[in-house]
Amino acid sequence: MAVNVYSTSVTTDNLSRHDMLAWVNDCLQSEICKIEELCTGAAYCQFMDMMFPGSIPLKKVKFSTVLEHEYIQNFKILQATFNKLNVEKIIPVDRLIKGRFQDNFEFLQWFKKFFDANYDGRPYEAFAERGGLQIGSDRKEIPRARPPRHEPWRTPKHEVLKTPRHVPRSSSSSVRNTPKHGPSSRPMMQRALSDAGAQTHIRNLQQKVLDLQLTVEGLEKERDFYFGKLRDIEVVIQDDGNGSELCREILDILYATEDGFAVPDDDDEEDDRSNGF
């Protein structure tokens, strides 16, 4: 289990941002240039693997990312590891992913103290452990294909058709009146931008739906857990025969309802179950 630390103005070491960045880059073999770049959460995930080998699924961590929903996923992995190791720190994800200096610097100060209290000094090859992926502003990213720029069709000067003197007038007029067929650049660009924006919006909505599903599953598990506890209490009291005054008071609390709430009849419950509700 991890050793918990609590960062205050008294206990926090007065290290500068440059000292902090040098420490991070030295430990992780990274190229982080600014405190704000730690908003991805990837560096903290690897620090946890460094302190507690095997405690975190490092392959699920997004090291080379610029997407906010992937930052959130990295911090979810980090918080889950905290919970598993009984680390009492609650990660302020909403503030960290915004990339503001002060929020990320304060969290890094706490994490440095947490690291000093838990790391045993064992050798660790950070670059190899993350599969050779770079962390920091110098990481090499795959260039994205840009939509081609369409310009109005023009005939090169050296290819301009010259009407010979012996050509009949009707032929020369047909050459002058021939329409120029060029691509319509503006509608194509607008369509491409619209499609890209729609795809991004769809991905964001899919991530929100996934987050909501996870939240609902967690709430349902918590509801079932407490309902089971209440049911066990009810069974114990009923087995006691409802003899004591304390038992009757507990049952009154268990069976009490709020104003406007009606207990469903057994017939209604059977109908709901038969209808699949």
C-alpha atoms as a PDB file:
ATOM      1  CA  MET A   1       0.000   0.000   0.000  1.00  0.00           C
ATOM      2  CA  ALA A   2       1.051   3.570  -0.633  1.00  0.00           C
ATOM      3  CA  VAL A   3       2.124   6.123   1.953  1.00  0.00           C
ATOM      4  CA  ASN A   4      -0.284   9.062   1.973  1.00  0.00           C
ATOM      5  CA  VAL A   5       1.069  12.607   2.070  1.00  0.00           C
ATOM      6  CA  TYR A   6      -0.676  15.912   2.606  1.00  0.00           C
ATOM      7  CA  SER A   7       0.611  19.017   0.869  1.00  0.00           C
ATOM      8  CA  THR A   8       0.343  22.376   2.638  1.00  0.00           C
ATOM      9  CA  SER A   9       2.136  25.691   2.406  1.00  0.00           C
ATOM     10  CA  VAL A  10       4.389  24.517   5.232  1.00  0.00           C
ATOM     11  CA  THR A  11       5.197  21.018   4.014  1.00  0.00           C
ATOM     12  CA  THR A  12       5.632  21.788   0.314  1.00  0.00           C
ATOM     13  CA  ASP A  13       9.213  22.182  -0.809  1.00  0.00           C
ATOM     14  CA  ASN A  14       9.933  25.472  -2.511  1.00  0.00           C
ATOM     15  CA  LEU A  15      11.096  24.043  -5.845  1.00  0.00           C
ATOM     16  CA  SER A  16      10.882  26.227  -8.932  1.00  0.00           C
ATOM     17  CA  ARG A  17       9.066  25.212 -12.056  1.00  0.00           C
ATOM     18  CA  HIS A  18      12.409  24.596 -13.772  1.00  0.00           C
ATOM     19  CA  ASP A  19      13.520  22.269 -10.974  1.00  0.00           C
ATOM     20  CA  MET A  20      10.242  20.404 -11.191  1.00  0.00           C
ATOM     21  CA  LEU A  21      10.443  19.989 -14.972  1.00  0.00           C
ATOM     22  CA  ALA A  22      14.063  18.821 -14.719  1.00  0.00           C
ATOM     23  CA  TRP A  23      13.010  16.175 -12.184  1.00  0.00           C
ATOM     24  CA  VAL A  24      10.117  14.944 -14.361  1.00  0.00           C
ATOM     25  CA  ASN A  25      12.215  14.774 -17.538  1.00  0.00           C
ATOM     26  CA  ASP A  26      15.088  13.052 -15.736  1.00  0.00           C
ATOM     27  CA  CYS A  27      12.844  10.353 -14.239  1.00  0.00           C
ATOM     28  CA  LEU A  28      10.692   9.728 -17.332  1.00  0.00           C
ATOM     29  CA  GLN A  29      13.275  10.417 -20.066  1.00  0.00           C
ATOM     30  CA  SER A  30      10.813  12.912 -21.517  1.00  0.00           C
ATOM     31  CA  GLU A  31      10.946  16.281 -23.291  1.00  0.00           C
ATOM     32  CA  ILE A  32       8.334  18.251 -21.356  1.00  0.00           C
ATOM     33  CA  CYS A  33       8.963  21.980 -21.731  1.00  0.00           C
ATOM     34  CA  LYS A  34       6.090  23.475 -19.727  1.00  0.00           C
ATOM     35  CA  ILE A  35       4.183  22.571 -16.571  1.00  0.00           C
ATOM     36  CA  GLU A  36       0.965  22.915 -18.549  1.00  0.00           C
ATOM     37  CA  GLU A  37       1.884  19.868 -20.668  1.00  0.00           C
ATOM     38  CA  LEU A  38       1.280  17.638 -17.637  1.00  0.00           C
ATOM     39  CA  CYS A  39      -2.465  18.168 -18.148  1.00  0.00           C
ATOM     40  CA  THR A  40      -2.601  14.924 -20.183  1.00  0.00           C
ATOM     41  CA  GLY A  41      -2.083  12.837 -17.034  1.00  0.00           C
ATOM     42  CA  ALA A  42       0.236  10.429 -18.891  1.00  0.00           C
ATOM     43  CA  ALA A  43       3.352  11.387 -16.900  1.00  0.00           C
ATOM     44  CA  TYR A  44       1.643  10.683 -13.558  1.00  0.00           C
ATOM     45  CA  CYS A  45       0.470   7.285 -14.815  1.00  0.00           C
ATOM     46  CA  GLN A  46       4.042   6.289 -15.627  1.00  0.00           C
ATOM     47  CA  PHE A  47       5.271   7.587 -12.284  1.00  0.00           C
ATOM     48  CA  MET A  48       2.812   5.170 -10.642  1.00  0.00           C
ATOM     49  CA  ASP A  49       4.225   2.302 -12.708  1.00  0.00           C
ATOM     50  CA  MET A  50       7.685   3.415 -11.602  1.00  0.00           C
ATOM     51  CA  MET A  51       6.774   3.402  -7.907  1.00  0.00           C
ATOM     52  CA  PHE A  52       4.403   0.422  -7.922  1.00  0.00           C
ATOM     53  CA  PRO A  53       5.259  -1.882 -10.855  1.00  0.00           C
ATOM     54  CA  GLY A  54       2.227  -3.578 -12.358  1.00  0.00           C
ATOM     55  CA  SER A  55      -0.255  -1.411 -10.463  1.00  0.00           C
ATOM     56  CA  ILE A  56      -1.454   0.451 -13.551  1.00  0.00           C
ATOM     57  CA  PRO A  57      -2.379  -0.769 -17.082  1.00  0.00           C
ATOM     58  CA  LEU A  58       0.297   1.250 -18.853  1.00  0.00           C
ATOM     59  CA  LYS A  59      -0.792   0.071 -22.315  1.00  0.00           C
ATOM     60  CA  LYS A  60      -4.114   1.872 -21.892  1.00  0.00           C
ATOM     61  CA  VAL A  61      -2.443   5.224 -21.202  1.00  0.00           C
ATOM     62  CA  LYS A  62      -2.507   7.715 -24.081  1.00  0.00           C
ATOM     63  CA  PHE A  63       0.987   9.219 -24.147  1.00  0.00           C
ATOM     64  CA  SER A  64       0.844  11.091 -27.465  1.00  0.00           C
ATOM     65  CA  THR A  65      -2.532  12.796 -27.359  1.00  0.00           C
ATOM     66  CA  VAL A  66      -3.965  16.267 -27.773  1.00  0.00           C
ATOM     67  CA  LEU A  67      -7.606  15.317 -27.122  1.00  0.00           C
ATOM     68  CA  GLU A  68      -9.302  16.387 -23.902  1.00  0.00           C
ATOM     69  CA  HIS A  69     -11.437  13.256 -23.539  1.00  0.00           C
ATOM     70  CA  GLU A  70      -8.257  11.153 -23.654  1.00  0.00           C
ATOM     71  CA  TYR A  71      -6.778  13.349 -20.898  1.00  0.00           C
ATOM     72  CA  ILE A  72      -9.851  12.470 -18.821  1.00  0.00           C
ATOM     73  CA  GLN A  73      -9.364   8.770 -19.554  1.00  0.00           C
ATOM     74  CA  ASN A  74      -5.733   8.946 -18.376  1.00  0.00           C
ATOM     75  CA  PHE A  75      -6.773  10.599 -15.118  1.00  0.00           C
ATOM     76  CA  LYS A  76      -9.515   7.980 -14.632  1.00  0.00           C
ATOM     77  CA  ILE A  77      -6.860   5.276 -14.874  1.00  0.00           C
ATOM     78  CA  LEU A  78      -4.716   7.213 -12.384  1.00  0.00           C
ATOM     79  CA  GLN A  79      -7.593   7.668  -9.907  1.00  0.00           C
ATOM     80  CA  ALA A  80      -8.490   3.982 -10.140  1.00  0.00           C
ATOM     81  CA  THR A  81      -4.884   3.126  -9.257  1.00  0.00           C
ATOM     82  CA  PHE A  82      -5.012   5.580  -6.336  1.00  0.00           C
ATOM     83  CA  ASN A  83      -8.117   3.846  -5.030  1.00  0.00           C
ATOM     84  CA  LYS A  84      -6.535   0.401  -5.387  1.00  0.00           C
ATOM     85  CA  LEU A  85      -3.480   1.499  -3.390  1.00  0.00           C
ATOM     86  CA  ASN A  86      -5.587   3.373  -0.778  1.00  0.00           C
ATOM     87  CA  VAL A  87      -4.247   6.781  -1.808  1.00  0.00           C
ATOM     88  CA  GLU A  88      -6.654   9.315  -0.332  1.00  0.00           C
ATOM     89  CA  LYS A  89      -5.959  12.048  -2.878  1.00  0.00           C
ATOM     90  CA  ILE A  90      -8.887  13.087  -5.097  1.00  0.00           C
ATOM     91  CA  ILE A  91      -7.600  14.255  -8.475  1.00  0.00           C
ATOM     92  CA  PRO A  92      -9.095  17.626  -9.600  1.00  0.00           C
ATOM     93  CA  VAL A  93      -9.536  16.395 -13.173  1.00  0.00           C
ATOM     94  CA  ASP A  94     -11.801  19.236 -14.317  1.00  0.00           C
ATOM     95  CA  ARG A  95      -9.146  21.820 -13.441  1.00  0.00           C
ATOM     96  CA  LEU A  96      -6.074  19.911 -14.597  1.00  0.00           C
ATOM     97  CA  ILE A  97      -7.290  19.127 -18.124  1.00  0.00           C
ATOM     98  CA  LYS A  98      -7.759  22.850 -18.829  1.00  0.00           C
ATOM     99  CA  GLY A  99      -3.976  23.180 -18.958  1.00  0.00           C
ATOM    100  CA  ARG A 100      -3.640  26.130 -16.585  1.00  0.00           C
ATOM    101  CA  PHE A 101      -0.253  26.572 -14.954  1.00  0.00           C
ATOM    102  CA  GLN A 102      -1.292  27.110 -11.330  1.00  0.00           C
ATOM    103  CA  ASP A 103      -3.566  24.057 -11.059  1.00  0.00           C
ATOM    104  CA  ASN A 104      -1.045  21.727 -12.686  1.00  0.00           C
ATOM    105  CA  PHE A 105       1.871  23.135 -10.673  1.00  0.00           C
ATOM    106  CA  GLU A 106       0.068  22.608  -7.361  1.00  0.00           C
ATOM    107  CA  PHE A 107      -0.794  19.022  -8.248  1.00  0.00           C
ATOM    108  CA  LEU A 108       2.801  18.375  -9.369  1.00  0.00           C
ATOM    109  CA  GLN A 109       4.094  19.721  -6.038  1.00  0.00           C
ATOM    110  CA  TRP A 110       1.868  17.277  -4.171  1.00  0.00           C
ATOM    111  CA  PHE A 111       2.869  14.412  -6.462  1.00  0.00           C
ATOM    112  CA  LYS A 112       6.583  15.135  -5.955  1.00  0.00           C
ATOM    113  CA  LYS A 113       6.102  14.761  -2.206  1.00  0.00           C
ATOM    114  CA  PHE A 114       4.079  11.575  -2.754  1.00  0.00           C
ATOM    115  CA  PHE A 115       6.854  10.211  -4.988  1.00  0.00           C
ATOM    116  CA  ASP A 116       9.587  10.946  -2.428  1.00  0.00           C
ATOM    117  CA  ALA A 117       7.609   9.102   0.242  1.00  0.00           C
ATOM    118  CA  ASN A 118       6.974   5.971  -1.852  1.00  0.00           C
ATOM    119  CA  TYR A 119       9.763   5.409  -4.388  1.00  0.00           C
ATOM    120  CA  ASP A 120      12.348   2.855  -3.282  1.00  0.00           C
ATOM    121  CA  GLY A 121      15.009   3.825  -5.834  1.00  0.00           C
ATOM    122  CA  ARG A 122      14.817   0.757  -8.071  1.00  0.00           C
ATOM    123  CA  PRO A 123      16.129   1.226 -11.657  1.00  0.00           C
ATOM    124  CA  TYR A 124      13.460   2.061 -14.209  1.00  0.00           C
ATOM    125  CA  GLU A 125      13.715   2.511 -17.986  1.00  0.00           C
ATOM    126  CA  ALA A 126      10.792   4.833 -18.613  1.00  0.00           C
ATOM    127  CA  PHE A 127      11.301   5.252 -22.365  1.00  0.00           C
ATOM    128  CA  ALA A 128      11.362   1.502 -22.970  1.00  0.00           C
ATOM    129  CA  GLU A 129       8.445   0.784 -20.625  1.00  0.00           C
ATOM    130  CA  ARG A 130       6.112   3.045 -22.628  1.00  0.00           C
ATOM    131  CA  GLY A 131       7.168   1.489 -25.923  1.00  0.00           C
ATOM    132  CA  GLY A 132       9.414   4.281 -27.153  1.00  0.00           C
ATOM    133  CA  LEU A 133       6.651   6.889 -27.154  1.00  0.00           C
ATOM    134  CA  GLN A 134       7.750  10.444 -26.505  1.00  0.00           C
ATOM    135  CA  ILE A 135       6.192  12.691 -23.871  1.00  0.00           C
ATOM    136  CA  GLY A 136       6.406  16.424 -24.327  1.00  0.00           C
ATOM    137  CA  SER A 137       6.254  19.130 -26.952  1.00  0.00           C
ATOM    138  CA  ASP A 138       9.048  17.545 -28.998  1.00  0.00           C
ATOM    139  CA  ARG A 139       7.079  14.357 -29.671  1.00  0.00           C
ATOM    140  CA  LYS A 140       6.783  13.382 -33.298  1.00  0.00           C
ATOM    141  CA  GLU A 141       3.207  13.322 -34.443  1.00  0.00           C
ATOM    142  CA  ILE A 142       1.821  11.786 -37.602  1.00  0.00           C
ATOM    143  CA  PRO A 143       1.101  14.620 -40.011  1.00  0.00           C
ATOM    144  CA  ARG A 144      -2.558  14.973 -40.867  1.00  0.00           C
ATOM    145  CA  ALA A 145      -3.554  15.152 -44.500  1.00  0.00           C
ATOM    146  CA  ARG A 146      -4.897  18.550 -45.405  1.00  0.00           C
ATOM    147  CA  PRO A 147      -7.694  18.963 -47.904  1.00  0.00           C
ATOM    148  CA  PRO A 148      -6.349  20.121 -51.278  1.00  0.00           C
ATOM    149  CA  ARG A 149      -6.582  23.785 -52.038  1.00  0.00           C
ATOM    150  CA  HIS A 150      -8.617  24.359 -55.148  1.00  0.00           C
ATOM    151  CA  GLU A 151      -7.997  27.477 -57.151  1.00  0.00           C
ATOM    152  CA  PRO A 152      -9.973  28.778 -60.106  1.00  0.00           C
ATOM    153  CA  TRP A 153      -8.900  27.125 -63.351  1.00  0.00           C
ATOM    154  CA  ARG A 154      -6.597  29.233 -65.414  1.00  0.00           C
ATOM    155  CA  THR A 155      -4.949  28.601 -68.712  1.00  0.00           C
ATOM    156  CA  PRO A 156      -1.159  29.103 -68.625  1.00  0.00           C
ATOM    157  CA  LYS A 157       0.040  32.041 -70.608  1.00  0.00           C
ATOM    158  CA  HIS A 158       2.090  29.917 -72.965  1.00  0.00           C
ATOM    159  CA  GLU A 159      -0.973  27.747 -73.727  1.00  0.00           C
ATOM    160  CA  VAL A 160      -3.411  30.520 -74.584  1.00  0.00           C
ATOM    161  CA  LEU A 161      -5.111  29.658 -77.803  1.00  0.00           C
ATOM    162  CA  LYS A 162      -4.309  32.053 -80.561  1.00  0.00           C
ATOM    163  CA  THR A 163      -6.772  32.310 -83.395  1.00  0.00           C
ATOM    164  CA  PRO A 164      -5.001  31.977 -86.755  1.00  0.00           C
ATOM    165  CA  ARG A 165      -5.715  34.694 -89.240  1.00  0.00           C
ATOM    166  CA  HIS A 166      -7.114  32.245 -91.779  1.00  0.00           C
ATOM    167  CA  VAL A 167      -9.601  30.699 -89.344  1.00  0.00           C
ATOM    168  CA  PRO A 168     -13.194  31.689 -90.080  1.00  0.00           C
ATOM    169  CA  ARG A 169     -14.846  34.179 -87.760  1.00  0.00           C
ATOM    170  CA  SER A 170     -17.374  31.637 -86.547  1.00  0.00           C
ATOM    171  CA  SER A 171     -14.608  29.338 -85.297  1.00  0.00           C
ATOM    172  CA  SER A 172     -12.854  32.100 -83.381  1.00  0.00           C
ATOM    173  CA  SER A 173     -16.070  33.144 -81.686  1.00  0.00           C
ATOM    174  CA  SER A 174     -16.691  29.548 -80.591  1.00  0.00           C
ATOM    175  CA  VAL A 175     -13.269  29.447 -78.975  1.00  0.00           C
ATOM    176  CA  ARG A 176     -13.914  32.695 -77.116  1.00  0.00           C
ATOM    177  CA  ASN A 177     -17.327  31.499 -75.914  1.00  0.00           C
ATOM    178  CA  THR A 178     -16.087  28.106 -74.662  1.00  0.00           C
ATOM    179  CA  PRO A 179     -16.807  27.991 -70.901  1.00  0.00           C
ATOM    180  CA  LYS A 180     -13.926  27.344 -68.517  1.00  0.00           C
ATOM    181  CA  HIS A 181     -14.543  24.199 -66.478  1.00  0.00           C
ATOM    182  CA  GLY A 182     -12.831  24.513 -63.087  1.00  0.00           C
ATOM    183  CA  PRO A 183     -13.546  22.977 -59.695  1.00  0.00           C
ATOM    184  CA  SER A 184     -15.850  24.849 -57.370  1.00  0.00           C
ATOM    185  CA  SER A 185     -13.455  25.370 -54.498  1.00  0.00           C
ATOM    186  CA  ARG A 186     -15.640  27.113 -51.940  1.00  0.00           C
ATOM    187  CA  PRO A 187     -18.452  24.499 -51.634  1.00  0.00           C
ATOM    188  CA  MET A 188     -15.933  21.629 -51.487  1.00  0.00           C
ATOM    189  CA  MET A 189     -13.927  23.292 -48.710  1.00  0.00           C
ATOM    190  CA  GLN A 190     -17.062  24.084 -46.745  1.00  0.00           C
ATOM    191  CA  ARG A 191     -18.278  20.498 -47.125  1.00  0.00           C
ATOM    192  CA  ALA A 192     -14.946  19.087 -45.959  1.00  0.00           C
ATOM    193  CA  LEU A 193     -14.857  21.363 -42.914  1.00  0.00           C
ATOM    194  CA  SER A 194     -18.470  20.523 -42.109  1.00  0.00           C
ATOM    195  CA  ASP A 195     -17.790  16.760 -42.285  1.00  0.00           C
ATOM    196  CA  ALA A 196     -14.711  17.060 -40.054  1.00  0.00           C
ATOM    197  CA  GLY A 197     -16.639  19.091 -37.475  1.00  0.00           C
ATOM    198  CA  ALA A 198     -19.484  16.577 -37.505  1.00  0.00           C
ATOM    199  CA  GLN A 199     -17.117  13.656 -36.921  1.00  0.00           C
ATOM    200  CA  THR A 200     -15.497  15.458 -33.992  1.00  0.00           C
ATOM    201  CA  HIS A 201     -18.909  16.230 -32.499  1.00  0.00           C
ATOM    202  CA  ILE A 202     -19.969  12.583 -32.873  1.00  0.00           C
ATOM    203  CA  ARG A 203     -16.817  11.354 -31.112  1.00  0.00           C
ATOM    204  CA  ASN A 204     -17.382  13.801 -28.246  1.00  0.00           C
ATOM    205  CA  LEU A 205     -21.001  12.673 -27.867  1.00  0.00           C
ATOM    206  CA  GLN A 206     -19.970   8.998 -27.902  1.00  0.00           C
ATOM    207  CA  GLN A 207     -17.459   9.674 -25.127  1.00  0.00           C
ATOM    208  CA  LYS A 208     -20.117  11.491 -23.073  1.00  0.00           C
ATOM    209  CA  VAL A 209     -22.516   8.571 -23.522  1.00  0.00           C
ATOM    210  CA  LEU A 210     -19.817   6.148 -22.360  1.00  0.00           C
ATOM    211  CA  ASP A 211     -19.082   8.284 -19.301  1.00  0.00           C
ATOM    212  CA  LEU A 212     -22.790   8.456 -18.441  1.00  0.00           C
ATOM    213  CA  GLN A 213     -23.146   4.680 -18.798  1.00  0.00           C
ATOM    214  CA  LEU A 214     -20.254   4.128 -16.408  1.00  0.00           C
ATOM    215  CA  THR A 215     -21.789   6.589 -13.958  1.00  0.00           C
ATOM    216  CA  VAL A 216     -25.184   4.862 -14.121  1.00  0.00           C
ATOM    217  CA  GLU A 217     -23.597   1.441 -13.582  1.00  0.00           C
ATOM    218  CA  GLY A 218     -21.777   2.735 -10.527  1.00  0.00           C
ATOM    219  CA  LEU A 219     -24.938   4.271  -9.089  1.00  0.00           C
ATOM    220  CA  GLU A 220     -26.911   1.080  -9.659  1.00  0.00           C
ATOM    221  CA  LYS A 221     -24.278  -0.991  -7.870  1.00  0.00           C
ATOM    222  CA  GLU A 222     -24.272   1.438  -4.958  1.00  0.00           C
ATOM    223  CA  ARG A 223     -28.093   1.385  -4.816  1.00  0.00           C
ATOM    224  CA  ASP A 224     -28.209  -2.416  -4.782  1.00  0.00           C
ATOM    225  CA  PHE A 225     -25.539  -2.531  -2.091  1.00  0.00           C
ATOM    226  CA  TYR A 226     -27.446  -0.284   0.327  1.00  0.00           C
ATOM    227  CA  PHE A 227     -30.779  -1.893  -0.485  1.00  0.00           C
ATOM    228  CA  GLY A 228     -29.291  -5.268   0.441  1.00  0.00           C
ATOM    229  CA  LYS A 229     -28.129  -3.842   3.765  1.00  0.00           C
ATOM    230  CA  LEU A 230     -31.597  -2.480   4.528  1.00  0.00           C
ATOM    231  CA  ARG A 231     -33.171  -5.798   3.595  1.00  0.00           C
ATOM    232  CA  ASP A 232     -30.834  -7.667   5.956  1.00  0.00           C
ATOM    233  CA  ILE A 233     -31.801  -5.278   8.775  1.00  0.00           C
ATOM    234  CA  GLU A 234     -35.478  -5.855   8.040  1.00  0.00           C
ATOM    235  CA  VAL A 235     -35.072  -9.643   8.150  1.00  0.00           C
ATOM    236  CA  VAL A 236     -33.197  -9.533  11.476  1.00  0.00           C
ATOM    237  CA  ILE A 237     -35.897  -7.360  13.070  1.00  0.00           C
ATOM    238  CA  GLN A 238     -38.731  -9.519  11.746  1.00  0.00           C
ATOM    239  CA  ASP A 239     -37.053 -12.631  13.097  1.00  0.00           C
ATOM    240  CA  ASP A 240     -36.933 -10.917  16.486  1.00  0.00           C
ATOM    241  CA  GLY A 241     -40.725 -10.846  16.441  1.00  0.00           C
ATOM    242  CA  ASN A 242     -41.116  -7.061  16.538  1.00  0.00           C
ATOM    243  CA  GLY A 243     -41.220  -7.325  20.301  1.00  0.00           C
ATOM    244  CA  SER A 244     -39.073  -4.423  21.429  1.00  0.00           C
ATOM    245  CA  GLU A 245     -39.861  -0.760  21.065  1.00  0.00           C
ATOM    246  CA  LEU A 246     -36.542  -0.218  19.263  1.00  0.00           C
ATOM    247  CA  CYS A 247     -37.448  -2.782  16.602  1.00  0.00           C
ATOM    248  CA  ARG A 248     -40.800  -1.099  15.976  1.00  0.00           C
ATOM    249  CA  GLU A 249     -39.135   2.286  15.627  1.00  0.00           C
ATOM    250  CA  ILE A 250     -36.606   0.917  13.140  1.00  0.00           C
ATOM    251  CA  LEU A 251     -39.401  -0.673  11.088  1.00  0.00           C
ATOM    252  CA  ASP A 252     -41.311   2.623  11.114  1.00  0.00           C
ATOM    253  CA  ILE A 253     -38.228   4.314   9.651  1.00  0.00           C
ATOM    254  CA  LEU A 254     -37.762   1.590   7.028  1.00  0.00           C
ATOM    255  CA  TYR A 255     -41.388   1.723   5.909  1.00  0.00           C
ATOM    256  CA  ALA A 256     -41.806   5.499   6.058  1.00  0.00           C
ATOM    257  CA  THR A 257     -42.517   7.223   2.728  1.00  0.00           C
ATOM    258  CA  GLU A 258     -42.341  10.813   1.578  1.00  0.00           C
ATOM    259  CA  ASP A 259     -45.381  12.925   0.782  1.00  0.00           C
ATOM    260  CA  GLY A 260     -46.824  12.098  -2.597  1.00  0.00           C
ATOM    261  CA  PHE A 261     -45.171   8.669  -2.790  1.00  0.00           C
ATOM    262  CA  ALA A 262     -47.460   5.673  -3.027  1.00  0.00           C
ATOM    263  CA  VAL A 263     -46.313   2.129  -2.388  1.00  0.00           C
ATOM    264  CA  PRO A 264     -47.123   0.048  -5.511  1.00  0.00           C
ATOM    265  CA  ASP A 265     -49.539  -2.851  -5.138  1.00  0.00           C
ATOM    266  CA  ASP A 266     -48.376  -6.383  -5.684  1.00  0.00           C
ATOM    267  CA  ASP A 267     -50.540  -6.607  -8.814  1.00  0.00           C
ATOM    268  CA  ASP A 268     -48.848  -3.542 -10.291  1.00  0.00           C
ATOM    269  CA  GLU A 269     -45.417  -5.002  -9.600  1.00  0.00           C
ATOM    270  CA  GLU A 270     -46.377  -8.285 -11.311  1.00  0.00           C
ATOM    271  CA  ASP A 271     -47.696  -6.354 -14.338  1.00  0.00           C
ATOM    272  CA  ASP A 272     -44.451  -4.394 -14.552  1.00  0.00           C
ATOM    273  CA  ARG A 273     -42.374  -7.538 -14.414  1.00  0.00           C
ATOM    274  CA  SER A 274     -44.497  -9.202 -17.104  1.00  0.00           C
ATOM    275  CA  ASN A 275     -44.085  -6.145 -19.334  1.00  0.00           C
ATOM    276  CA  GLY A 276     -40.320  -6.203 -18.953  1.00  0.00           C
ATOM    277  CA  PHE A 277     -40.001  -3.142 -16.669  1.00  0.00           C
END
